[in-house]
Amino acid sequence: MDRQPCPHRIYDDLGIGFTMGGVVGGIWNFGKGYYNAPKGEKLSGCITTMKTRGPVLGGNFAVWGGLFSTIECGLMYYRGKEDFMNSIISGFLTGGILAIRGGWKATLRSAAFGGIFLGMIEGVGVLLNMFVSMQQQQMVQQQQQQQEGEGTGGWIPEPPSDTFPILNSKSLDGEFDFVPGGVERI
């Protein structure tokens, strides 16, 4: 999936973050409202908790996505290239900036977690891209080998051989020669 160009990427990630956080927060808080509501008011407790707390998580996701994209766009402009290092550094800085009010220990812990988490995501993405490209190269090589071996222009499958089990009844001889109870046939 191609991403939007940089200024629009920030708005895109803000919206996606709010939507994802709102949906996940709504589902989570629906269950939390059911658990915490008294008997007889379960449904109203679910809906009230979902409506009041769901958008809060959506806002948190939006802040994270917007700050991450802003830092990533700044790094792309500063470094002049778009690669996996921008995402890792953006995750590190985003985690640190969002935890700065908790002190320098919390800032370093959150920054390290953000960098490591984004590094793992980027690593999985690189591995998947390598796997898919190897599969595509193998398919291209097989197609080229088939085209080189054809000579006539069209691929015609080989007819079945004599040892094909449906056409050769001799391969089934002795296949069903058994008697229940271990008694041998005479």
C-alpha atoms as a PDB file:
ATOM      1  CA  MET A   1       0.000   0.000   0.000  1.00  0.00           C
ATOM      2  CA  ASP A   2       1.422   3.358  -1.011  1.00  0.00           C
ATOM      3  CA  ARG A   3       1.242   6.075   1.576  1.00  0.00           C
ATOM      4  CA  GLN A   4       0.152   9.647   1.053  1.00  0.00           C
ATOM      5  CA  PRO A   5       2.771  12.335   0.451  1.00  0.00           C
ATOM      6  CA  CYS A   6       4.126  13.876   3.580  1.00  0.00           C
ATOM      7  CA  PRO A   7       1.862  16.776   4.547  1.00  0.00           C
ATOM      8  CA  HIS A   8      -1.261  14.686   3.884  1.00  0.00           C
ATOM      9  CA  ARG A   9       0.206  11.666   5.652  1.00  0.00           C
ATOM     10  CA  ILE A  10      -0.114  13.446   8.989  1.00  0.00           C
ATOM     11  CA  TYR A  11      -3.855  14.056   8.543  1.00  0.00           C
ATOM     12  CA  ASP A  12      -4.297  10.536   7.252  1.00  0.00           C
ATOM     13  CA  ASP A  13      -2.608   9.003  10.298  1.00  0.00           C
ATOM     14  CA  LEU A  14      -4.548  11.265  12.664  1.00  0.00           C
ATOM     15  CA  GLY A  15      -7.833  10.037  11.204  1.00  0.00           C
ATOM     16  CA  ILE A  16      -6.803   6.398  11.074  1.00  0.00           C
ATOM     17  CA  GLY A  17      -5.496   6.569  14.644  1.00  0.00           C
ATOM     18  CA  PHE A  18      -8.694   8.128  15.948  1.00  0.00           C
ATOM     19  CA  THR A  19     -10.829   5.590  14.099  1.00  0.00           C
ATOM     20  CA  MET A  20      -8.831   2.587  15.289  1.00  0.00           C
ATOM     21  CA  GLY A  21      -8.650   3.870  18.846  1.00  0.00           C
ATOM     22  CA  GLY A  22     -12.333   4.765  18.876  1.00  0.00           C
ATOM     23  CA  VAL A  23     -13.407   1.331  17.677  1.00  0.00           C
ATOM     24  CA  VAL A  24     -11.052  -0.569  19.983  1.00  0.00           C
ATOM     25  CA  GLY A  25     -11.859   1.764  22.878  1.00  0.00           C
ATOM     26  CA  GLY A  26     -15.565   1.415  22.232  1.00  0.00           C
ATOM     27  CA  ILE A  27     -15.405  -2.371  22.263  1.00  0.00           C
ATOM     28  CA  TRP A  28     -13.132  -2.461  25.312  1.00  0.00           C
ATOM     29  CA  ASN A  29     -15.220  -0.002  27.286  1.00  0.00           C
ATOM     30  CA  PHE A  30     -18.452  -1.734  26.275  1.00  0.00           C
ATOM     31  CA  GLY A  31     -17.163  -4.855  28.025  1.00  0.00           C
ATOM     32  CA  LYS A  32     -15.839  -2.827  30.939  1.00  0.00           C
ATOM     33  CA  GLY A  33     -19.225  -1.128  31.318  1.00  0.00           C
ATOM     34  CA  TYR A  34     -20.979  -4.493  31.341  1.00  0.00           C
ATOM     35  CA  TYR A  35     -18.638  -5.786  34.035  1.00  0.00           C
ATOM     36  CA  ASN A  36     -18.949  -2.724  36.271  1.00  0.00           C
ATOM     37  CA  ALA A  37     -22.694  -2.001  35.854  1.00  0.00           C
ATOM     38  CA  PRO A  38     -25.179  -3.218  38.481  1.00  0.00           C
ATOM     39  CA  LYS A  39     -27.713  -5.911  37.645  1.00  0.00           C
ATOM     40  CA  GLY A  40     -30.630  -4.641  35.647  1.00  0.00           C
ATOM     41  CA  GLU A  41     -28.627  -1.757  34.161  1.00  0.00           C
ATOM     42  CA  LYS A  42     -26.026  -3.703  32.191  1.00  0.00           C
ATOM     43  CA  LEU A  43     -27.009  -2.400  28.755  1.00  0.00           C
ATOM     44  CA  SER A  44     -27.220   1.244  29.787  1.00  0.00           C
ATOM     45  CA  GLY A  45     -23.923   0.914  31.689  1.00  0.00           C
ATOM     46  CA  CYS A  46     -22.263  -0.560  28.591  1.00  0.00           C
ATOM     47  CA  ILE A  47     -23.467   2.189  26.313  1.00  0.00           C
ATOM     48  CA  THR A  48     -22.662   5.002  28.757  1.00  0.00           C
ATOM     49  CA  THR A  49     -19.125   3.761  29.384  1.00  0.00           C
ATOM     50  CA  MET A  50     -18.559   3.145  25.683  1.00  0.00           C
ATOM     51  CA  LYS A  51     -19.745   6.645  24.733  1.00  0.00           C
ATOM     52  CA  THR A  52     -17.716   8.432  27.401  1.00  0.00           C
ATOM     53  CA  ARG A  53     -14.440   6.479  27.388  1.00  0.00           C
ATOM     54  CA  GLY A  54     -14.198   5.154  23.794  1.00  0.00           C
ATOM     55  CA  PRO A  55     -13.343   8.509  22.212  1.00  0.00           C
ATOM     56  CA  VAL A  56     -10.635   9.097  24.845  1.00  0.00           C
ATOM     57  CA  LEU A  57      -8.678   6.100  23.591  1.00  0.00           C
ATOM     58  CA  GLY A  58      -9.366   7.270  20.038  1.00  0.00           C
ATOM     59  CA  GLY A  59      -7.824  10.632  20.895  1.00  0.00           C
ATOM     60  CA  ASN A  60      -4.768   8.941  22.406  1.00  0.00           C
ATOM     61  CA  PHE A  61      -4.267   6.875  19.268  1.00  0.00           C
ATOM     62  CA  ALA A  62      -4.700   9.983  17.118  1.00  0.00           C
ATOM     63  CA  VAL A  63      -2.089  11.904  19.130  1.00  0.00           C
ATOM     64  CA  TRP A  64       0.371   9.027  18.813  1.00  0.00           C
ATOM     65  CA  GLY A  65      -0.242   8.635  15.058  1.00  0.00           C
ATOM     66  CA  GLY A  66      -0.107  12.367  14.370  1.00  0.00           C
ATOM     67  CA  LEU A  67       3.083  12.937  16.351  1.00  0.00           C
ATOM     68  CA  PHE A  68       4.712   9.884  14.799  1.00  0.00           C
ATOM     69  CA  SER A  69       3.855  11.033  11.262  1.00  0.00           C
ATOM     70  CA  THR A  70       4.988  14.591  11.964  1.00  0.00           C
ATOM     71  CA  ILE A  71       8.371  13.404  13.211  1.00  0.00           C
ATOM     72  CA  GLU A  72       8.673  10.933  10.334  1.00  0.00           C
ATOM     73  CA  CYS A  73       7.952  13.655   7.772  1.00  0.00           C
ATOM     74  CA  GLY A  74      10.508  15.927   9.440  1.00  0.00           C
ATOM     75  CA  LEU A  75      13.105  13.158   9.311  1.00  0.00           C
ATOM     76  CA  MET A  76      12.322  12.446   5.663  1.00  0.00           C
ATOM     77  CA  TYR A  77      12.853  16.130   4.875  1.00  0.00           C
ATOM     78  CA  TYR A  78      16.020  16.374   6.982  1.00  0.00           C
ATOM     79  CA  ARG A  79      17.618  13.089   5.851  1.00  0.00           C
ATOM     80  CA  GLY A  80      16.406  13.340   2.261  1.00  0.00           C
ATOM     81  CA  LYS A  81      15.326   9.696   2.028  1.00  0.00           C
ATOM     82  CA  GLU A  82      12.467   7.451   3.077  1.00  0.00           C
ATOM     83  CA  ASP A  83      13.624   4.241   4.740  1.00  0.00           C
ATOM     84  CA  PHE A  84      13.066   2.086   7.812  1.00  0.00           C
ATOM     85  CA  MET A  85      15.357   4.223   9.988  1.00  0.00           C
ATOM     86  CA  ASN A  86      12.890   7.108   9.823  1.00  0.00           C
ATOM     87  CA  SER A  87      10.168   4.907  11.339  1.00  0.00           C
ATOM     88  CA  ILE A  88      12.422   3.566  14.092  1.00  0.00           C
ATOM     89  CA  ILE A  89      13.698   7.017  15.058  1.00  0.00           C
ATOM     90  CA  SER A  90      10.136   8.398  14.895  1.00  0.00           C
ATOM     91  CA  GLY A  91       8.881   5.658  17.207  1.00  0.00           C
ATOM     92  CA  PHE A  92      11.733   6.342  19.622  1.00  0.00           C
ATOM     93  CA  LEU A  93      11.096  10.100  19.679  1.00  0.00           C
ATOM     94  CA  THR A  94       7.297   9.749  19.827  1.00  0.00           C
ATOM     95  CA  GLY A  95       7.481   7.385  22.796  1.00  0.00           C
ATOM     96  CA  GLY A  96       9.874   9.730  24.564  1.00  0.00           C
ATOM     97  CA  ILE A  97       7.921  12.916  23.886  1.00  0.00           C
ATOM     98  CA  LEU A  98       4.617  11.437  25.044  1.00  0.00           C
ATOM     99  CA  ALA A  99       6.166  10.232  28.320  1.00  0.00           C
ATOM    100  CA  ILE A 100       8.216  13.346  29.087  1.00  0.00           C
ATOM    101  CA  ARG A 101       5.907  14.459  31.920  1.00  0.00           C
ATOM    102  CA  GLY A 102       6.709  11.276  33.851  1.00  0.00           C
ATOM    103  CA  GLY A 103      10.387  12.094  34.323  1.00  0.00           C
ATOM    104  CA  TRP A 104      13.545  11.102  32.531  1.00  0.00           C
ATOM    105  CA  LYS A 105      13.320   7.394  33.473  1.00  0.00           C
ATOM    106  CA  ALA A 106       9.812   7.071  32.059  1.00  0.00           C
ATOM    107  CA  THR A 107      10.896   9.057  29.010  1.00  0.00           C
ATOM    108  CA  LEU A 108      13.831   6.754  28.282  1.00  0.00           C
ATOM    109  CA  ARG A 109      11.760   3.628  28.940  1.00  0.00           C
ATOM    110  CA  SER A 110       8.954   4.743  26.618  1.00  0.00           C
ATOM    111  CA  ALA A 111      11.398   5.941  23.976  1.00  0.00           C
ATOM    112  CA  ALA A 112      13.219   2.599  24.021  1.00  0.00           C
ATOM    113  CA  PHE A 113       9.923   0.721  23.827  1.00  0.00           C
ATOM    114  CA  GLY A 114       8.732   2.881  20.907  1.00  0.00           C
ATOM    115  CA  GLY A 115      11.999   2.409  19.022  1.00  0.00           C
ATOM    116  CA  ILE A 116      12.140  -1.339  19.636  1.00  0.00           C
ATOM    117  CA  PHE A 117       8.467  -1.811  18.771  1.00  0.00           C
ATOM    118  CA  LEU A 118       8.781   0.102  15.504  1.00  0.00           C
ATOM    119  CA  GLY A 119      12.050  -1.709  14.781  1.00  0.00           C
ATOM    120  CA  MET A 120      10.267  -5.046  15.114  1.00  0.00           C
ATOM    121  CA  ILE A 121       7.444  -3.884  12.852  1.00  0.00           C
ATOM    122  CA  GLU A 122       9.922  -2.664  10.232  1.00  0.00           C
ATOM    123  CA  GLY A 123      11.948  -5.881  10.549  1.00  0.00           C
ATOM    124  CA  VAL A 124       8.867  -8.015   9.921  1.00  0.00           C
ATOM    125  CA  GLY A 125       8.020  -5.795   6.940  1.00  0.00           C
ATOM    126  CA  VAL A 126      11.524  -6.234   5.480  1.00  0.00           C
ATOM    127  CA  LEU A 127      11.353 -10.012   5.969  1.00  0.00           C
ATOM    128  CA  LEU A 128       7.929 -10.211   4.328  1.00  0.00           C
ATOM    129  CA  ASN A 129       9.155  -8.133   1.375  1.00  0.00           C
ATOM    130  CA  MET A 130      12.171 -10.418   0.980  1.00  0.00           C
ATOM    131  CA  PHE A 131       9.971 -13.520   1.114  1.00  0.00           C
ATOM    132  CA  VAL A 132       7.483 -12.161  -1.428  1.00  0.00           C
ATOM    133  CA  SER A 133      10.241 -11.031  -3.797  1.00  0.00           C
ATOM    134  CA  MET A 134      11.905 -14.475  -3.616  1.00  0.00           C
ATOM    135  CA  GLN A 135       8.575 -16.123  -4.421  1.00  0.00           C
ATOM    136  CA  GLN A 136       8.060 -13.791  -7.379  1.00  0.00           C
ATOM    137  CA  GLN A 137      11.580 -14.440  -8.669  1.00  0.00           C
ATOM    138  CA  GLN A 138      10.990 -18.196  -8.491  1.00  0.00           C
ATOM    139  CA  MET A 139       7.727 -17.862 -10.404  1.00  0.00           C
ATOM    140  CA  VAL A 140       9.417 -15.747 -13.088  1.00  0.00           C
ATOM    141  CA  GLN A 141      12.248 -18.276 -13.415  1.00  0.00           C
ATOM    142  CA  GLN A 142       9.777 -21.154 -13.754  1.00  0.00           C
ATOM    143  CA  GLN A 143       7.836 -19.291 -16.421  1.00  0.00           C
ATOM    144  CA  GLN A 144      11.040 -18.517 -18.310  1.00  0.00           C
ATOM    145  CA  GLN A 145      12.116 -22.166 -18.162  1.00  0.00           C
ATOM    146  CA  GLN A 146       8.725 -23.279 -19.476  1.00  0.00           C
ATOM    147  CA  GLN A 147       8.884 -20.758 -22.309  1.00  0.00           C
ATOM    148  CA  GLU A 148      12.412 -21.821 -23.256  1.00  0.00           C
ATOM    149  CA  GLY A 149      11.451 -25.506 -23.330  1.00  0.00           C
ATOM    150  CA  GLU A 150       8.318 -25.073 -25.411  1.00  0.00           C
ATOM    151  CA  GLY A 151       9.634 -24.316 -28.876  1.00  0.00           C
ATOM    152  CA  THR A 152       6.142 -24.579 -30.422  1.00  0.00           C
ATOM    153  CA  GLY A 153       4.696 -21.546 -28.698  1.00  0.00           C
ATOM    154  CA  GLY A 154       2.015 -23.214 -26.559  1.00  0.00           C
ATOM    155  CA  TRP A 155       2.292 -25.334 -23.473  1.00  0.00           C
ATOM    156  CA  ILE A 156       0.763 -28.781 -23.903  1.00  0.00           C
ATOM    157  CA  PRO A 157       0.587 -31.048 -20.871  1.00  0.00           C
ATOM    158  CA  GLU A 158       2.019 -34.555 -21.107  1.00  0.00           C
ATOM    159  CA  PRO A 159      -0.501 -37.409 -21.328  1.00  0.00           C
ATOM    160  CA  PRO A 160      -0.880 -39.609 -18.267  1.00  0.00           C
ATOM    161  CA  SER A 161       1.497 -42.572 -18.042  1.00  0.00           C
ATOM    162  CA  ASP A 162       0.606 -46.266 -17.678  1.00  0.00           C
ATOM    163  CA  THR A 163       1.274 -46.190 -13.942  1.00  0.00           C
ATOM    164  CA  PHE A 164      -1.552 -43.767 -13.256  1.00  0.00           C
ATOM    165  CA  PRO A 165      -3.566 -45.628 -10.544  1.00  0.00           C
ATOM    166  CA  ILE A 166      -6.997 -45.133 -12.101  1.00  0.00           C
ATOM    167  CA  LEU A 167      -5.929 -46.422 -15.517  1.00  0.00           C
ATOM    168  CA  ASN A 168      -3.816 -49.331 -14.263  1.00  0.00           C
ATOM    169  CA  SER A 169      -5.825 -52.031 -12.493  1.00  0.00           C
ATOM    170  CA  LYS A 170      -2.686 -54.057 -11.699  1.00  0.00           C
ATOM    171  CA  SER A 171      -1.646 -51.455  -9.130  1.00  0.00           C
ATOM    172  CA  LEU A 172      -4.812 -52.298  -7.153  1.00  0.00           C
ATOM    173  CA  ASP A 173      -4.120 -56.071  -7.027  1.00  0.00           C
ATOM    174  CA  GLY A 174      -3.896 -57.176  -3.429  1.00  0.00           C
ATOM    175  CA  GLU A 175      -5.044 -53.771  -2.191  1.00  0.00           C
ATOM    176  CA  PHE A 176      -8.276 -55.060  -0.668  1.00  0.00           C
ATOM    177  CA  ASP A 177      -7.185 -58.611   0.181  1.00  0.00           C
ATOM    178  CA  PHE A 178      -7.908 -58.652   3.879  1.00  0.00           C
ATOM    179  CA  VAL A 179     -10.363 -60.434   6.118  1.00  0.00           C
ATOM    180  CA  PRO A 180     -11.543 -59.010   9.442  1.00  0.00           C
ATOM    181  CA  GLY A 181     -10.404 -60.906  12.536  1.00  0.00           C
ATOM    182  CA  GLY A 182      -6.994 -61.852  11.170  1.00  0.00           C
ATOM    183  CA  VAL A 183      -8.148 -65.045   9.387  1.00  0.00           C
ATOM    184  CA  GLU A 184      -6.221 -65.708   6.205  1.00  0.00           C
ATOM    185  CA  ARG A 185      -7.948 -66.665   2.981  1.00  0.00           C
ATOM    186  CA  ILE A 186      -7.229 -70.057   1.568  1.00  0.00           C
END
